[in-house]
Amino acid sequence: MVFEDHYGFSDSTSLTQVGNLTIEERVYKGTTIDLGSFDADVSLTLWYNGTPSGSQTPVVAEISFKYEDSNASYSRKVVNRAKTAFEAIQNLTTWTDPNSKTKTRFVYDYDTNFCD
């Protein structure tokens, strides 16, 4: 009932494949970054077009981290360490692609008629 209550669509509405794209997502968690007062949880997300085989390369790879303070009182030290961590990840040039796409951009670019 949550979807119906919030958006007015029946919870029993079936999903329809869009753009002939079927993504299988694998998310790997369990690593943290020390930000001082908080630890940030790190995730590696891999998207595969269909069910991945042993040698298949992901179509999208994304590393992200998140941290939360229920009081929203982030210190300058925490914010600066988060920025430093983000920039350090960006600078891993053998691991990152400066021309990469976000997951959302990948979906929109996959089929140019996606939103027609």
N, C-alpha and C. Protein backbone atom coordinates (compact mmCIF):
# COMPACT_ATOMS: atom_id res chain seq x y z
N MET A 1 0.81 -1.20 0.00
CA MET A 1 0.00 0.00 0.00
C MET A 1 0.85 1.27 0.00
N VAL A 2 2.13 1.15 0.25
CA VAL A 2 2.97 2.34 0.35
C VAL A 2 3.03 3.08 -0.98
N PHE A 3 3.26 2.38 -2.06
CA PHE A 3 3.36 3.04 -3.37
C PHE A 3 2.03 3.70 -3.74
N GLU A 4 0.96 2.98 -3.50
CA GLU A 4 -0.36 3.52 -3.82
C GLU A 4 -0.68 4.73 -2.95
N ASP A 5 -0.37 4.64 -1.67
CA ASP A 5 -0.65 5.76 -0.76
C ASP A 5 0.15 7.00 -1.13
N HIS A 6 1.40 6.83 -1.53
CA HIS A 6 2.25 7.97 -1.80
C HIS A 6 2.10 8.53 -3.22
N TYR A 7 1.83 7.65 -4.18
CA TYR A 7 1.87 8.09 -5.58
C TYR A 7 0.57 7.87 -6.35
N GLY A 8 -0.37 7.19 -5.77
CA GLY A 8 -1.66 6.99 -6.42
C GLY A 8 -1.68 5.87 -7.45
N PHE A 9 -0.64 5.03 -7.49
CA PHE A 9 -0.60 3.89 -8.39
C PHE A 9 -0.74 2.61 -7.57
N SER A 10 -1.48 1.67 -8.08
CA SER A 10 -1.69 0.42 -7.38
C SER A 10 -0.38 -0.32 -7.15
N ASP A 11 -0.23 -0.88 -5.97
CA ASP A 11 0.97 -1.67 -5.67
C ASP A 11 1.05 -2.92 -6.54
N SER A 12 -0.03 -3.32 -7.17
CA SER A 12 -0.03 -4.51 -8.01
C SER A 12 0.29 -4.19 -9.48
N THR A 13 0.53 -2.91 -9.79
CA THR A 13 0.87 -2.53 -11.17
C THR A 13 2.18 -3.19 -11.55
N SER A 14 2.19 -3.88 -12.68
CA SER A 14 3.41 -4.56 -13.11
C SER A 14 4.36 -3.58 -13.77
N LEU A 15 5.64 -3.88 -13.67
CA LEU A 15 6.66 -3.06 -14.29
C LEU A 15 6.82 -3.47 -15.75
N THR A 16 7.16 -2.51 -16.58
CA THR A 16 7.38 -2.77 -18.00
C THR A 16 8.82 -2.43 -18.34
N GLN A 17 9.45 -3.30 -19.11
CA GLN A 17 10.82 -3.05 -19.52
C GLN A 17 10.87 -1.82 -20.42
N VAL A 18 11.84 -0.97 -20.19
CA VAL A 18 11.99 0.27 -20.95
C VAL A 18 13.26 0.20 -21.78
N GLY A 19 13.17 0.55 -23.04
CA GLY A 19 14.35 0.66 -23.88
C GLY A 19 15.07 -0.64 -24.15
N ASN A 20 14.40 -1.78 -23.96
CA ASN A 20 15.03 -3.09 -24.20
C ASN A 20 16.28 -3.29 -23.36
N LEU A 21 16.30 -2.72 -22.18
CA LEU A 21 17.46 -2.77 -21.30
C LEU A 21 17.11 -3.54 -20.04
N THR A 22 17.88 -4.56 -19.76
CA THR A 22 17.72 -5.32 -18.52
C THR A 22 19.04 -5.25 -17.77
N ILE A 23 19.03 -4.57 -16.65
CA ILE A 23 20.24 -4.39 -15.86
C ILE A 23 20.24 -5.35 -14.69
N GLU A 24 21.36 -5.99 -14.48
CA GLU A 24 21.58 -6.75 -13.25
C GLU A 24 22.60 -5.96 -12.45
N GLU A 25 22.23 -5.64 -11.23
CA GLU A 25 23.09 -4.82 -10.37
C GLU A 25 23.70 -5.67 -9.28
N ARG A 26 24.99 -5.47 -9.07
CA ARG A 26 25.72 -6.11 -7.97
C ARG A 26 26.30 -4.99 -7.12
N VAL A 27 26.02 -5.02 -5.83
CA VAL A 27 26.53 -4.00 -4.91
C VAL A 27 27.39 -4.68 -3.87
N TYR A 28 28.59 -4.16 -3.71
CA TYR A 28 29.55 -4.69 -2.75
C TYR A 28 29.79 -3.64 -1.67
N LYS A 29 29.55 -4.03 -0.42
CA LYS A 29 29.66 -3.11 0.72
C LYS A 29 30.61 -3.71 1.76
N GLY A 30 30.88 -2.93 2.77
CA GLY A 30 31.64 -3.46 3.90
C GLY A 30 32.91 -2.70 4.22
N THR A 31 33.24 -1.70 3.42
CA THR A 31 34.43 -0.89 3.67
C THR A 31 33.99 0.47 4.17
N THR A 32 34.81 1.07 5.00
CA THR A 32 34.49 2.40 5.52
C THR A 32 35.68 3.33 5.31
N ILE A 33 35.38 4.62 5.32
CA ILE A 33 36.39 5.68 5.28
C ILE A 33 36.25 6.46 6.57
N ASP A 34 37.36 6.69 7.25
CA ASP A 34 37.37 7.45 8.50
C ASP A 34 37.31 8.94 8.17
N LEU A 35 36.22 9.58 8.57
CA LEU A 35 36.05 11.01 8.32
C LEU A 35 36.22 11.82 9.60
N GLY A 36 36.80 11.21 10.60
CA GLY A 36 36.97 11.92 11.87
C GLY A 36 35.87 11.52 12.82
N SER A 37 34.85 12.34 12.97
CA SER A 37 33.73 12.05 13.87
C SER A 37 32.81 10.95 13.34
N PHE A 38 32.89 10.69 12.04
CA PHE A 38 32.01 9.71 11.42
C PHE A 38 32.81 8.80 10.51
N ASP A 39 32.30 7.61 10.32
CA ASP A 39 32.82 6.72 9.29
C ASP A 39 31.83 6.74 8.14
N ALA A 40 32.35 6.79 6.92
CA ALA A 40 31.50 6.74 5.73
C ALA A 40 31.47 5.31 5.22
N ASP A 41 30.31 4.82 4.86
CA ASP A 41 30.14 3.48 4.28
C ASP A 41 30.40 3.56 2.79
N VAL A 42 31.29 2.70 2.30
CA VAL A 42 31.68 2.68 0.89
C VAL A 42 30.94 1.54 0.18
N SER A 43 30.47 1.82 -1.03
CA SER A 43 29.82 0.81 -1.87
C SER A 43 30.41 0.83 -3.27
N LEU A 44 30.57 -0.33 -3.83
CA LEU A 44 30.94 -0.47 -5.24
C LEU A 44 29.74 -1.09 -5.92
N THR A 45 29.19 -0.39 -6.91
CA THR A 45 28.02 -0.86 -7.64
C THR A 45 28.44 -1.17 -9.07
N LEU A 46 28.11 -2.37 -9.52
CA LEU A 46 28.39 -2.78 -10.90
C LEU A 46 27.07 -3.08 -11.58
N TRP A 47 26.91 -2.55 -12.79
CA TRP A 47 25.74 -2.82 -13.62
C TRP A 47 26.17 -3.66 -14.80
N TYR A 48 25.41 -4.72 -15.04
CA TYR A 48 25.64 -5.58 -16.20
C TYR A 48 24.40 -5.54 -17.07
N ASN A 49 24.59 -5.59 -18.38
CA ASN A 49 23.49 -5.67 -19.33
C ASN A 49 23.09 -7.14 -19.40
N GLY A 50 22.05 -7.50 -18.67
CA GLY A 50 21.63 -8.90 -18.56
C GLY A 50 22.39 -9.59 -17.44
N THR A 51 22.24 -10.90 -17.39
CA THR A 51 22.90 -11.69 -16.35
C THR A 51 24.39 -11.80 -16.66
N PRO A 52 25.24 -11.40 -15.71
CA PRO A 52 26.68 -11.41 -16.01
C PRO A 52 27.26 -12.82 -16.10
N SER A 53 28.19 -12.97 -17.02
CA SER A 53 28.96 -14.21 -17.12
C SER A 53 30.30 -13.97 -16.44
N GLY A 54 31.10 -14.99 -16.33
CA GLY A 54 32.38 -14.87 -15.66
C GLY A 54 33.32 -13.86 -16.26
N SER A 55 33.24 -13.64 -17.57
CA SER A 55 34.18 -12.73 -18.23
C SER A 55 33.53 -11.42 -18.68
N GLN A 56 32.26 -11.22 -18.39
CA GLN A 56 31.56 -10.03 -18.86
C GLN A 56 32.01 -8.79 -18.10
N THR A 57 32.25 -7.72 -18.83
CA THR A 57 32.62 -6.44 -18.24
C THR A 57 31.36 -5.67 -17.88
N PRO A 58 31.31 -5.04 -16.72
CA PRO A 58 30.13 -4.24 -16.40
C PRO A 58 29.99 -3.06 -17.36
N VAL A 59 28.74 -2.64 -17.61
CA VAL A 59 28.50 -1.48 -18.46
C VAL A 59 28.64 -0.19 -17.66
N VAL A 60 28.47 -0.28 -16.36
CA VAL A 60 28.65 0.86 -15.46
C VAL A 60 29.27 0.35 -14.17
N ALA A 61 30.24 1.09 -13.67
CA ALA A 61 30.83 0.81 -12.36
C ALA A 61 30.83 2.13 -11.59
N GLU A 62 30.36 2.07 -10.35
CA GLU A 62 30.26 3.30 -9.56
C GLU A 62 30.73 3.02 -8.14
N ILE A 63 31.59 3.86 -7.65
CA ILE A 63 31.97 3.79 -6.24
C ILE A 63 31.38 5.00 -5.55
N SER A 64 30.83 4.78 -4.38
CA SER A 64 30.22 5.88 -3.66
C SER A 64 30.43 5.67 -2.17
N PHE A 65 30.26 6.73 -1.43
CA PHE A 65 30.28 6.60 0.02
C PHE A 65 29.26 7.55 0.61
N LYS A 66 28.76 7.17 1.78
CA LYS A 66 27.77 8.01 2.44
C LYS A 66 28.03 8.02 3.93
N TYR A 67 27.68 9.12 4.54
CA TYR A 67 27.77 9.26 5.97
C TYR A 67 26.59 10.10 6.43
N GLU A 68 26.21 9.92 7.67
CA GLU A 68 25.01 10.61 8.13
C GLU A 68 25.16 10.99 9.59
N ASP A 69 24.72 12.17 9.88
CA ASP A 69 24.61 12.66 11.25
C ASP A 69 23.15 13.01 11.47
N SER A 70 22.49 12.29 12.35
CA SER A 70 21.05 12.51 12.56
C SER A 70 20.76 13.93 13.01
N ASN A 71 21.75 14.63 13.58
CA ASN A 71 21.56 16.02 14.00
C ASN A 71 21.97 17.01 12.92
N ALA A 72 22.52 16.52 11.82
CA ALA A 72 22.99 17.36 10.70
C ALA A 72 23.96 18.44 11.17
N SER A 73 24.80 18.07 12.11
CA SER A 73 25.78 19.05 12.60
C SER A 73 27.19 18.59 12.19
N TYR A 74 27.41 18.58 10.89
CA TYR A 74 28.69 18.14 10.37
C TYR A 74 29.76 19.18 10.64
N SER A 75 30.86 18.72 11.19
CA SER A 75 31.95 19.66 11.46
C SER A 75 32.71 19.95 10.16
N ARG A 76 33.44 21.04 10.17
CA ARG A 76 34.28 21.38 9.01
C ARG A 76 35.27 20.25 8.73
N LYS A 77 35.78 19.62 9.79
CA LYS A 77 36.75 18.53 9.64
C LYS A 77 36.12 17.36 8.88
N VAL A 78 34.91 16.98 9.24
CA VAL A 78 34.23 15.88 8.56
C VAL A 78 33.98 16.22 7.10
N VAL A 79 33.48 17.40 6.83
CA VAL A 79 33.18 17.81 5.46
C VAL A 79 34.46 17.86 4.62
N ASN A 80 35.52 18.42 5.18
CA ASN A 80 36.80 18.48 4.45
C ASN A 80 37.37 17.09 4.19
N ARG A 81 37.25 16.19 5.16
CA ARG A 81 37.74 14.82 4.94
C ARG A 81 36.91 14.11 3.88
N ALA A 82 35.61 14.35 3.85
CA ALA A 82 34.76 13.75 2.81
C ALA A 82 35.17 14.27 1.44
N LYS A 83 35.42 15.56 1.34
CA LYS A 83 35.86 16.15 0.08
C LYS A 83 37.22 15.58 -0.34
N THR A 84 38.13 15.45 0.60
CA THR A 84 39.44 14.87 0.31
C THR A 84 39.31 13.43 -0.16
N ALA A 85 38.46 12.65 0.49
CA ALA A 85 38.24 11.26 0.08
C ALA A 85 37.67 11.20 -1.34
N PHE A 86 36.69 12.05 -1.64
CA PHE A 86 36.09 12.08 -2.97
C PHE A 86 37.13 12.42 -4.03
N GLU A 87 37.94 13.44 -3.75
CA GLU A 87 38.98 13.83 -4.71
C GLU A 87 40.04 12.75 -4.87
N ALA A 88 40.36 12.06 -3.80
CA ALA A 88 41.34 10.97 -3.88
C ALA A 88 40.82 9.85 -4.78
N ILE A 89 39.54 9.54 -4.67
CA ILE A 89 38.94 8.52 -5.54
C ILE A 89 38.98 8.98 -7.00
N GLN A 90 38.64 10.24 -7.24
CA GLN A 90 38.69 10.78 -8.60
C GLN A 90 40.09 10.72 -9.20
N ASN A 91 41.10 10.85 -8.37
CA ASN A 91 42.48 10.88 -8.85
C ASN A 91 43.09 9.50 -9.05
N LEU A 92 42.34 8.45 -8.82
CA LEU A 92 42.82 7.10 -9.10
C LEU A 92 42.66 6.84 -10.60
N THR A 93 43.48 7.51 -11.39
CA THR A 93 43.27 7.56 -12.84
C THR A 93 43.36 6.20 -13.53
N THR A 94 44.03 5.24 -12.95
CA THR A 94 44.04 3.91 -13.58
C THR A 94 42.75 3.16 -13.26
N TRP A 95 41.96 3.68 -12.32
CA TRP A 95 40.71 3.04 -11.92
C TRP A 95 39.48 3.83 -12.34
N THR A 96 39.65 5.09 -12.65
CA THR A 96 38.49 5.93 -12.95
C THR A 96 38.55 6.45 -14.38
N ASP A 97 37.40 6.85 -14.88
CA ASP A 97 37.29 7.40 -16.23
C ASP A 97 36.67 8.79 -16.12
N PRO A 98 37.44 9.82 -16.43
CA PRO A 98 36.89 11.18 -16.30
C PRO A 98 35.73 11.45 -17.26
N ASN A 99 35.57 10.62 -18.27
CA ASN A 99 34.47 10.80 -19.23
C ASN A 99 33.33 9.80 -19.00
N SER A 100 33.31 9.19 -17.82
CA SER A 100 32.28 8.19 -17.56
C SER A 100 30.91 8.82 -17.41
N LYS A 101 29.90 7.97 -17.44
CA LYS A 101 28.51 8.41 -17.31
C LYS A 101 27.95 7.94 -15.98
N THR A 102 27.02 8.70 -15.47
CA THR A 102 26.28 8.25 -14.31
C THR A 102 25.35 7.11 -14.74
N LYS A 103 24.82 6.40 -13.78
CA LYS A 103 23.88 5.32 -14.11
C LYS A 103 22.66 5.89 -14.84
N THR A 104 22.16 7.03 -14.38
CA THR A 104 21.00 7.64 -15.02
C THR A 104 21.32 8.03 -16.46
N ARG A 105 22.46 8.66 -16.69
CA ARG A 105 22.85 9.06 -18.05
C ARG A 105 23.00 7.83 -18.95
N PHE A 106 23.55 6.74 -18.41
CA PHE A 106 23.69 5.52 -19.19
C PHE A 106 22.33 5.02 -19.67
N VAL A 107 21.33 5.03 -18.81
CA VAL A 107 19.99 4.56 -19.18
C VAL A 107 19.39 5.44 -20.25
N TYR A 108 19.48 6.76 -20.09
CA TYR A 108 18.92 7.67 -21.09
C TYR A 108 19.64 7.57 -22.43
N ASP A 109 20.95 7.35 -22.41
CA ASP A 109 21.71 7.25 -23.65
C ASP A 109 21.58 5.88 -24.31
N TYR A 110 21.18 4.87 -23.57
CA TYR A 110 21.12 3.51 -24.11
C TYR A 110 20.15 3.44 -25.29
N ASP A 111 19.00 4.07 -25.14
CA ASP A 111 18.00 4.10 -26.20
C ASP A 111 17.58 5.55 -26.40
N THR A 112 17.97 6.13 -27.51
CA THR A 112 17.69 7.56 -27.72
C THR A 112 16.20 7.87 -27.80
N ASN A 113 15.36 6.85 -28.00
CA ASN A 113 13.91 7.05 -28.02
C ASN A 113 13.27 6.80 -26.66
N PHE A 114 14.08 6.64 -25.65
CA PHE A 114 13.64 6.29 -24.30
C PHE A 114 12.51 7.19 -23.80
N CYS A 115 12.62 8.47 -24.00
CA CYS A 115 11.62 9.41 -23.45
C CYS A 115 10.76 10.06 -24.53
N ASP A 116 10.74 9.51 -25.73
CA ASP A 116 9.90 10.09 -26.78
C ASP A 116 8.43 9.83 -26.53
